[in-house]
Amino acid sequence: MSKHKKLLVKILSGTSDRNIDFEELRNLVIRLGFEERIKGSHHILTKEGIEEILNIQSKSGKAKPYQVQQVRNIIVKYQLKLDDDEK
């Protein structure tokens, strides 16, 4: 199982929202098809067909727990999946 899929499972389980690395979360969201623009410390991620806008920031290298919850809610709501051909 790839590191992105392992992270996706970890996020969907909801058991370690305080322990998700910011860069890993950012890379996962981009891998799910979101486009990123950066304004200061804010990473603003959007995707066509998804009305919510993700705005994530790093706190000591970790993602903020409420932002991990937002990502999880969007993944579940829109049934987002990673490509199967990923290594």
PDB file of N, CA and C in Angstrom:
ATOM      1  N   MET A   1       0.855  -1.181   0.000  1.00  0.00           N
ATOM      2  CA  MET A   1       0.000   0.000   0.000  1.00  0.00           C
ATOM      3  C   MET A   1       0.899   1.243   0.000  1.00  0.00           C
ATOM      4  N   SER A   2       0.575   2.195  -0.849  1.00  0.00           N
ATOM      5  CA  SER A   2       1.397   3.398  -0.965  1.00  0.00           C
ATOM      6  C   SER A   2       1.251   4.282   0.271  1.00  0.00           C
ATOM      7  N   LYS A   3       2.192   5.203   0.438  1.00  0.00           N
ATOM      8  CA  LYS A   3       2.133   6.101   1.594  1.00  0.00           C
ATOM      9  C   LYS A   3       0.912   7.010   1.529  1.00  0.00           C
ATOM     10  N   HIS A   4       0.488   7.380   0.308  1.00  0.00           N
ATOM     11  CA  HIS A   4      -0.705   8.224   0.180  1.00  0.00           C
ATOM     12  C   HIS A   4      -1.958   7.463   0.599  1.00  0.00           C
ATOM     13  N   LYS A   5      -2.040   6.193   0.214  1.00  0.00           N
ATOM     14  CA  LYS A   5      -3.207   5.390   0.600  1.00  0.00           C
ATOM     15  C   LYS A   5      -3.213   5.131   2.101  1.00  0.00           C
ATOM     16  N   LYS A   6      -2.038   4.907   2.691  1.00  0.00           N
ATOM     17  CA  LYS A   6      -1.956   4.722   4.139  1.00  0.00           C
ATOM     18  C   LYS A   6      -2.423   5.974   4.868  1.00  0.00           C
ATOM     19  N   LEU A   7      -2.005   7.143   4.364  1.00  0.00           N
ATOM     20  CA  LEU A   7      -2.430   8.403   4.970  1.00  0.00           C
ATOM     21  C   LEU A   7      -3.936   8.595   4.811  1.00  0.00           C
ATOM     22  N   LEU A   8      -4.468   8.249   3.653  1.00  0.00           N
ATOM     23  CA  LEU A   8      -5.904   8.363   3.417  1.00  0.00           C
ATOM     24  C   LEU A   8      -6.679   7.505   4.418  1.00  0.00           C
ATOM     25  N   VAL A   9      -6.238   6.287   4.642  1.00  0.00           N
ATOM     26  CA  VAL A   9      -6.877   5.393   5.615  1.00  0.00           C
ATOM     27  C   VAL A   9      -6.790   5.998   7.017  1.00  0.00           C
ATOM     28  N   LYS A  10      -5.641   6.543   7.346  1.00  0.00           N
ATOM     29  CA  LYS A  10      -5.431   7.166   8.661  1.00  0.00           C
ATOM     30  C   LYS A  10      -6.371   8.356   8.864  1.00  0.00           C
ATOM     31  N   ILE A  11      -6.532   9.177   7.833  1.00  0.00           N
ATOM     32  CA  ILE A  11      -7.424  10.335   7.915  1.00  0.00           C
ATOM     33  C   ILE A  11      -8.870   9.874   8.027  1.00  0.00           C
ATOM     34  N   LEU A  12      -9.261   8.914   7.223  1.00  0.00           N
ATOM     35  CA  LEU A  12     -10.645   8.439   7.242  1.00  0.00           C
ATOM     36  C   LEU A  12     -10.997   7.751   8.553  1.00  0.00           C
ATOM     37  N   SER A  13     -10.024   7.164   9.226  1.00  0.00           N
ATOM     38  CA  SER A  13     -10.303   6.510  10.511  1.00  0.00           C
ATOM     39  C   SER A  13     -10.627   7.540  11.594  1.00  0.00           C
ATOM     40  N   GLY A  14     -10.044   8.743  11.475  1.00  0.00           N
ATOM     41  CA  GLY A  14     -10.328   9.808  12.427  1.00  0.00           C
ATOM     42  C   GLY A  14      -9.710   9.635  13.791  1.00  0.00           C
ATOM     43  N   THR A  15      -8.762   8.715  13.921  1.00  0.00           N
ATOM     44  CA  THR A  15      -8.191   8.436  15.245  1.00  0.00           C
ATOM     45  C   THR A  15      -6.944   9.250  15.566  1.00  0.00           C
ATOM     46  N   SER A  16      -6.351   9.900  14.562  1.00  0.00           N
ATOM     47  CA  SER A  16      -5.106  10.618  14.845  1.00  0.00           C
ATOM     48  C   SER A  16      -5.050  11.967  14.137  1.00  0.00           C
ATOM     49  N   ASP A  17      -6.120  12.744  14.254  1.00  0.00           N
ATOM     50  CA  ASP A  17      -6.169  14.048  13.587  1.00  0.00           C
ATOM     51  C   ASP A  17      -5.061  14.986  14.067  1.00  0.00           C
ATOM     52  N   ARG A  18      -4.604  14.811  15.291  1.00  0.00           N
ATOM     53  CA  ARG A  18      -3.556  15.685  15.843  1.00  0.00           C
ATOM     54  C   ARG A  18      -2.154  15.266  15.403  1.00  0.00           C
ATOM     55  N   ASN A  19      -2.061  14.147  14.726  1.00  0.00           N
ATOM     56  CA  ASN A  19      -0.744  13.601  14.414  1.00  0.00           C
ATOM     57  C   ASN A  19      -0.542  13.409  12.908  1.00  0.00           C
ATOM     58  N   ILE A  20      -1.108  14.309  12.101  1.00  0.00           N
ATOM     59  CA  ILE A  20      -0.961  14.224  10.652  1.00  0.00           C
ATOM     60  C   ILE A  20       0.052  15.276  10.208  1.00  0.00           C
ATOM     61  N   ASP A  21       1.074  14.837   9.499  1.00  0.00           N
ATOM     62  CA  ASP A  21       2.099  15.741   9.011  1.00  0.00           C
ATOM     63  C   ASP A  21       1.498  16.691   7.972  1.00  0.00           C
ATOM     64  N   PHE A  22       1.793  17.982   8.083  1.00  0.00           N
ATOM     65  CA  PHE A  22       1.215  18.989   7.195  1.00  0.00           C
ATOM     66  C   PHE A  22       1.564  18.729   5.732  1.00  0.00           C
ATOM     67  N   GLU A  23       2.836  18.487   5.441  1.00  0.00           N
ATOM     68  CA  GLU A  23       3.254  18.277   4.048  1.00  0.00           C
ATOM     69  C   GLU A  23       2.605  17.033   3.446  1.00  0.00           C
ATOM     70  N   GLU A  24       2.443  15.988   4.262  1.00  0.00           N
ATOM     71  CA  GLU A  24       1.785  14.774   3.768  1.00  0.00           C
ATOM     72  C   GLU A  24       0.324  15.045   3.440  1.00  0.00           C
ATOM     73  N   LEU A  25      -0.357  15.808   4.308  1.00  0.00           N
ATOM     74  CA  LEU A  25      -1.754  16.163   4.058  1.00  0.00           C
ATOM     75  C   LEU A  25      -1.874  17.011   2.794  1.00  0.00           C
ATOM     76  N   ARG A  26      -1.010  17.995   2.675  1.00  0.00           N
ATOM     77  CA  ARG A  26      -1.004  18.886   1.504  1.00  0.00           C
ATOM     78  C   ARG A  26      -0.801  18.080   0.221  1.00  0.00           C
ATOM     79  N   ASN A  27       0.189  17.182   0.233  1.00  0.00           N
ATOM     80  CA  ASN A  27       0.470  16.355  -0.945  1.00  0.00           C
ATOM     81  C   ASN A  27      -0.699  15.435  -1.285  1.00  0.00           C
ATOM     82  N   LEU A  28      -1.366  14.893  -0.265  1.00  0.00           N
ATOM     83  CA  LEU A  28      -2.519  14.027  -0.495  1.00  0.00           C
ATOM     84  C   LEU A  28      -3.651  14.802  -1.169  1.00  0.00           C
ATOM     85  N   VAL A  29      -3.929  15.988  -0.669  1.00  0.00           N
ATOM     86  CA  VAL A  29      -5.023  16.794  -1.227  1.00  0.00           C
ATOM     87  C   VAL A  29      -4.714  17.168  -2.683  1.00  0.00           C
ATOM     88  N   ILE A  30      -3.475  17.505  -2.969  1.00  0.00           N
ATOM     89  CA  ILE A  30      -3.072  17.812  -4.346  1.00  0.00           C
ATOM     90  C   ILE A  30      -3.217  16.551  -5.208  1.00  0.00           C
ATOM     91  N   ARG A  31      -2.838  15.414  -4.666  1.00  0.00           N
ATOM     92  CA  ARG A  31      -2.954  14.138  -5.389  1.00  0.00           C
ATOM     93  C   ARG A  31      -4.407  13.789  -5.695  1.00  0.00           C
ATOM     94  N   LEU A  32      -5.331  14.289  -4.849  1.00  0.00           N
ATOM     95  CA  LEU A  32      -6.761  14.059  -5.061  1.00  0.00           C
ATOM     96  C   LEU A  32      -7.334  14.994  -6.130  1.00  0.00           C
ATOM     97  N   GLY A  33      -6.471  15.861  -6.700  1.00  0.00           N
ATOM     98  CA  GLY A  33      -6.897  16.699  -7.813  1.00  0.00           C
ATOM     99  C   GLY A  33      -7.145  18.160  -7.483  1.00  0.00           C
ATOM    100  N   PHE A  34      -6.796  18.579  -6.290  1.00  0.00           N
ATOM    101  CA  PHE A  34      -6.989  19.974  -5.917  1.00  0.00           C
ATOM    102  C   PHE A  34      -5.857  20.832  -6.464  1.00  0.00           C
ATOM    103  N   GLU A  35      -6.174  22.080  -6.788  1.00  0.00           N
ATOM    104  CA  GLU A  35      -5.164  23.043  -7.210  1.00  0.00           C
ATOM    105  C   GLU A  35      -4.839  23.929  -6.023  1.00  0.00           C
ATOM    106  N   GLU A  36      -3.561  24.278  -5.902  1.00  0.00           N
ATOM    107  CA  GLU A  36      -3.091  25.031  -4.741  1.00  0.00           C
ATOM    108  C   GLU A  36      -2.631  26.424  -5.135  1.00  0.00           C
ATOM    109  N   ARG A  37      -2.961  27.369  -4.288  1.00  0.00           N
ATOM    110  CA  ARG A  37      -2.321  28.676  -4.361  1.00  0.00           C
ATOM    111  C   ARG A  37      -1.944  29.039  -2.933  1.00  0.00           C
ATOM    112  N   ILE A  38      -0.853  29.758  -2.799  1.00  0.00           N
ATOM    113  CA  ILE A  38      -0.320  30.065  -1.476  1.00  0.00           C
ATOM    114  C   ILE A  38      -0.366  31.562  -1.255  1.00  0.00           C
ATOM    115  N   LYS A  39      -0.889  31.948  -0.101  1.00  0.00           N
ATOM    116  CA  LYS A  39      -0.930  33.349   0.292  1.00  0.00           C
ATOM    117  C   LYS A  39      -0.398  33.418   1.718  1.00  0.00           C
ATOM    118  N   GLY A  40       0.863  33.791   1.839  1.00  0.00           N
ATOM    119  CA  GLY A  40       1.507  33.780   3.153  1.00  0.00           C
ATOM    120  C   GLY A  40       1.673  32.349   3.625  1.00  0.00           C
ATOM    121  N   SER A  41       1.163  32.059   4.824  1.00  0.00           N
ATOM    122  CA  SER A  41       1.248  30.703   5.358  1.00  0.00           C
ATOM    123  C   SER A  41       0.016  29.873   5.001  1.00  0.00           C
ATOM    124  N   HIS A  42      -0.930  30.467   4.300  1.00  0.00           N
ATOM    125  CA  HIS A  42      -2.171  29.786   3.949  1.00  0.00           C
ATOM    126  C   HIS A  42      -2.035  29.070   2.607  1.00  0.00           C
ATOM    127  N   HIS A  43      -2.350  27.802   2.613  1.00  0.00           N
ATOM    128  CA  HIS A  43      -2.381  27.004   1.396  1.00  0.00           C
ATOM    129  C   HIS A  43      -3.854  26.832   1.058  1.00  0.00           C
ATOM    130  N   ILE A  44      -4.288  27.467  -0.016  1.00  0.00           N
ATOM    131  CA  ILE A  44      -5.693  27.470  -0.402  1.00  0.00           C
ATOM    132  C   ILE A  44      -5.860  26.491  -1.553  1.00  0.00           C
ATOM    133  N   LEU A  45      -6.719  25.501  -1.338  1.00  0.00           N
ATOM    134  CA  LEU A  45      -6.869  24.406  -2.291  1.00  0.00           C
ATOM    135  C   LEU A  45      -8.305  24.347  -2.792  1.00  0.00           C
ATOM    136  N   THR A  46      -8.445  24.310  -4.111  1.00  0.00           N
ATOM    137  CA  THR A  46      -9.771  24.246  -4.730  1.00  0.00           C
ATOM    138  C   THR A  46      -9.781  23.142  -5.783  1.00  0.00           C
ATOM    139  N   LYS A  47     -10.986  22.678  -6.076  1.00  0.00           N
ATOM    140  CA  LYS A  47     -11.147  21.665  -7.110  1.00  0.00           C
ATOM    141  C   LYS A  47     -12.477  21.901  -7.802  1.00  0.00           C
ATOM    142  N   GLU A  48     -12.455  21.827  -9.122  1.00  0.00           N
ATOM    143  CA  GLU A  48     -13.678  21.998  -9.895  1.00  0.00           C
ATOM    144  C   GLU A  48     -14.696  20.939  -9.486  1.00  0.00           C
ATOM    145  N   GLY A  49     -15.922  21.366  -9.261  1.00  0.00           N
ATOM    146  CA  GLY A  49     -16.981  20.455  -8.860  1.00  0.00           C
ATOM    147  C   GLY A  49     -17.144  20.315  -7.360  1.00  0.00           C
ATOM    148  N   ILE A  50     -16.249  20.951  -6.602  1.00  0.00           N
ATOM    149  CA  ILE A  50     -16.339  20.914  -5.140  1.00  0.00           C
ATOM    150  C   ILE A  50     -16.502  22.347  -4.656  1.00  0.00           C
ATOM    151  N   GLU A  51     -17.631  22.597  -3.965  1.00  0.00           N
ATOM    152  CA  GLU A  51     -17.938  23.969  -3.578  1.00  0.00           C
ATOM    153  C   GLU A  51     -17.087  24.466  -2.409  1.00  0.00           C
ATOM    154  N   GLU A  52     -16.643  23.559  -1.544  1.00  0.00           N
ATOM    155  CA  GLU A  52     -15.830  23.968  -0.400  1.00  0.00           C
ATOM    156  C   GLU A  52     -14.414  24.320  -0.846  1.00  0.00           C
ATOM    157  N   ILE A  53     -13.832  25.265  -0.141  1.00  0.00           N
ATOM    158  CA  ILE A  53     -12.441  25.662  -0.354  1.00  0.00           C
ATOM    159  C   ILE A  53     -11.667  25.252   0.894  1.00  0.00           C
ATOM    160  N   LEU A  54     -10.565  24.541   0.690  1.00  0.00           N
ATOM    161  CA  LEU A  54      -9.722  24.148   1.823  1.00  0.00           C
ATOM    162  C   LEU A  54      -8.661  25.214   2.041  1.00  0.00           C
ATOM    163  N   ASN A  55      -8.503  25.617   3.278  1.00  0.00           N
ATOM    164  CA  ASN A  55      -7.496  26.595   3.658  1.00  0.00           C
ATOM    165  C   ASN A  55      -6.721  25.967   4.806  1.00  0.00           C
ATOM    166  N   ILE A  56      -5.510  25.492   4.519  1.00  0.00           N
ATOM    167  CA  ILE A  56      -4.744  24.781   5.544  1.00  0.00           C
ATOM    168  C   ILE A  56      -3.441  25.512   5.851  1.00  0.00           C
ATOM    169  N   GLN A  57      -3.006  25.394   7.108  1.00  0.00           N
ATOM    170  CA  GLN A  57      -1.739  25.961   7.541  1.00  0.00           C
ATOM    171  C   GLN A  57      -1.017  24.945   8.425  1.00  0.00           C
ATOM    172  N   SER A  58       0.284  25.079   8.443  1.00  0.00           N
ATOM    173  CA  SER A  58       1.114  24.223   9.279  1.00  0.00           C
ATOM    174  C   SER A  58       1.235  24.821  10.674  1.00  0.00           C
ATOM    175  N   LYS A  59       1.241  23.950  11.670  1.00  0.00           N
ATOM    176  CA  LYS A  59       1.520  24.368  13.044  1.00  0.00           C
ATOM    177  C   LYS A  59       2.589  23.424  13.569  1.00  0.00           C
ATOM    178  N   SER A  60       3.808  23.915  13.604  1.00  0.00           N
ATOM    179  CA  SER A  60       4.961  23.109  14.035  1.00  0.00           C
ATOM    180  C   SER A  60       5.115  21.842  13.190  1.00  0.00           C
ATOM    181  N   GLY A  61       4.861  21.954  11.891  1.00  0.00           N
ATOM    182  CA  GLY A  61       5.039  20.832  10.983  1.00  0.00           C
ATOM    183  C   GLY A  61       3.849  19.892  10.901  1.00  0.00           C
ATOM    184  N   LYS A  62       2.853  20.098  11.734  1.00  0.00           N
ATOM    185  CA  LYS A  62       1.666  19.246  11.743  1.00  0.00           C
ATOM    186  C   LYS A  62       0.483  20.013  11.177  1.00  0.00           C
ATOM    187  N   ALA A  63      -0.486  19.273  10.643  1.00  0.00           N
ATOM    188  CA  ALA A  63      -1.738  19.877  10.188  1.00  0.00           C
ATOM    189  C   ALA A  63      -2.609  20.128  11.420  1.00  0.00           C
ATOM    190  N   LYS A  64      -3.399  21.178  11.375  1.00  0.00           N
ATOM    191  CA  LYS A  64      -4.302  21.470  12.489  1.00  0.00           C
ATOM    192  C   LYS A  64      -5.437  20.448  12.467  1.00  0.00           C
ATOM    193  N   PRO A  65      -5.802  19.910  13.644  1.00  0.00           N
ATOM    194  CA  PRO A  65      -6.817  18.844  13.697  1.00  0.00           C
ATOM    195  C   PRO A  65      -8.141  19.205  13.025  1.00  0.00           C
ATOM    196  N   TYR A  66      -8.623  20.435  13.194  1.00  0.00           N
ATOM    197  CA  TYR A  66      -9.903  20.788  12.585  1.00  0.00           C
ATOM    198  C   TYR A  66      -9.792  20.824  11.053  1.00  0.00           C
ATOM    199  N   GLN A  67      -8.602  21.094  10.542  1.00  0.00           N
ATOM    200  CA  GLN A  67      -8.414  21.101   9.092  1.00  0.00           C
ATOM    201  C   GLN A  67      -8.363  19.672   8.551  1.00  0.00           C
ATOM    202  N   VAL A  68      -7.816  18.748   9.331  1.00  0.00           N
ATOM    203  CA  VAL A  68      -7.830  17.330   8.942  1.00  0.00           C
ATOM    204  C   VAL A  68      -9.284  16.857   8.879  1.00  0.00           C
ATOM    205  N   GLN A  69     -10.105  17.297   9.834  1.00  0.00           N
ATOM    206  CA  GLN A  69     -11.531  16.951   9.833  1.00  0.00           C
ATOM    207  C   GLN A  69     -12.222  17.495   8.580  1.00  0.00           C
ATOM    208  N   GLN A  70     -11.889  18.714   8.199  1.00  0.00           N
ATOM    209  CA  GLN A  70     -12.480  19.305   6.993  1.00  0.00           C
ATOM    210  C   GLN A  70     -12.107  18.486   5.764  1.00  0.00           C
ATOM    211  N   VAL A  71     -10.848  18.092   5.664  1.00  0.00           N
ATOM    212  CA  VAL A  71     -10.398  17.272   4.537  1.00  0.00           C
ATOM    213  C   VAL A  71     -11.163  15.948   4.536  1.00  0.00           C
ATOM    214  N   ARG A  72     -11.272  15.312   5.693  1.00  0.00           N
ATOM    215  CA  ARG A  72     -12.002  14.040   5.794  1.00  0.00           C
ATOM    216  C   ARG A  72     -13.456  14.206   5.342  1.00  0.00           C
ATOM    217  N   ASN A  73     -14.113  15.257   5.800  1.00  0.00           N
ATOM    218  CA  ASN A  73     -15.508  15.494   5.430  1.00  0.00           C
ATOM    219  C   ASN A  73     -15.676  15.653   3.924  1.00  0.00           C
ATOM    220  N   ILE A  74     -14.748  16.349   3.281  1.00  0.00           N
ATOM    221  CA  ILE A  74     -14.820  16.542   1.828  1.00  0.00           C
ATOM    222  C   ILE A  74     -14.560  15.227   1.099  1.00  0.00           C
ATOM    223  N   ILE A  75     -13.591  14.447   1.570  1.00  0.00           N
ATOM    224  CA  ILE A  75     -13.300  13.152   0.949  1.00  0.00           C
ATOM    225  C   ILE A  75     -14.532  12.258   1.005  1.00  0.00           C
ATOM    226  N   VAL A  76     -15.193  12.229   2.166  1.00  0.00           N
ATOM    227  CA  VAL A  76     -16.377  11.388   2.333  1.00  0.00           C
ATOM    228  C   VAL A  76     -17.551  11.931   1.523  1.00  0.00           C
ATOM    229  N   LYS A  77     -17.803  13.232   1.612  1.00  0.00           N
ATOM    230  CA  LYS A  77     -18.949  13.843   0.936  1.00  0.00           C
ATOM    231  C   LYS A  77     -18.893  13.629  -0.579  1.00  0.00           C
ATOM    232  N   TYR A  78     -17.712  13.816  -1.159  1.00  0.00           N
ATOM    233  CA  TYR A  78     -17.570  13.719  -2.611  1.00  0.00           C
ATOM    234  C   TYR A  78     -17.012  12.371  -3.070  1.00  0.00           C
ATOM    235  N   GLN A  79     -16.800  11.454  -2.128  1.00  0.00           N
ATOM    236  CA  GLN A  79     -16.288  10.109  -2.415  1.00  0.00           C
ATOM    237  C   GLN A  79     -15.016  10.167  -3.263  1.00  0.00           C
ATOM    238  N   LEU A  80     -14.074  10.983  -2.837  1.00  0.00           N
ATOM    239  CA  LEU A  80     -12.810  11.151  -3.564  1.00  0.00           C
ATOM    240  C   LEU A  80     -11.933   9.933  -3.368  1.00  0.00           C
ATOM    241  N   LYS A  81     -11.224   9.555  -4.417  1.00  0.00           N
ATOM    242  CA  LYS A  81     -10.348   8.386  -4.376  1.00  0.00           C
ATOM    243  C   LYS A  81      -9.026   8.702  -5.057  1.00  0.00           C
ATOM    244  N   LEU A  82      -8.007   7.964  -4.653  1.00  0.00           N
ATOM    245  CA  LEU A  82      -6.701   8.076  -5.303  1.00  0.00           C
ATOM    246  C   LEU A  82      -6.681   7.179  -6.531  1.00  0.00           C
ATOM    247  N   ASP A  83      -5.812   7.501  -7.478  1.00  0.00           N
ATOM    248  CA  ASP A  83      -5.630   6.656  -8.661  1.00  0.00           C
ATOM    249  C   ASP A  83      -5.105   5.292  -8.230  1.00  0.00           C
ATOM    250  N   ASP A  84      -5.589   4.233  -8.862  1.00  0.00           N
ATOM    251  CA  ASP A  84      -5.166   2.873  -8.527  1.00  0.00           C
ATOM    252  C   ASP A  84      -3.768   2.553  -9.022  1.00  0.00           C
ATOM    253  N   ASP A  85      -3.283   3.294 -10.024  1.00  0.00           N
ATOM    254  CA  ASP A  85      -1.969   2.989 -10.595  1.00  0.00           C
ATOM    255  C   ASP A  85      -0.823   3.658  -9.849  1.00  0.00           C
ATOM    256  N   GLU A  86      -1.117   4.240  -8.701  1.00  0.00           N
ATOM    257  CA  GLU A  86      -0.104   4.942  -7.913  1.00  0.00           C
ATOM    258  C   GLU A  86       0.864   3.948  -7.271  1.00  0.00           C
ATOM    259  N   LYS A  87       2.147   4.340  -7.191  1.00  0.00           N
ATOM    260  CA  LYS A  87       3.158   3.473  -6.575  1.00  0.00           C
ATOM    261  C   LYS A  87       3.482   3.929  -5.185  1.00  0.00           C
TER     262      LYS A  87
END
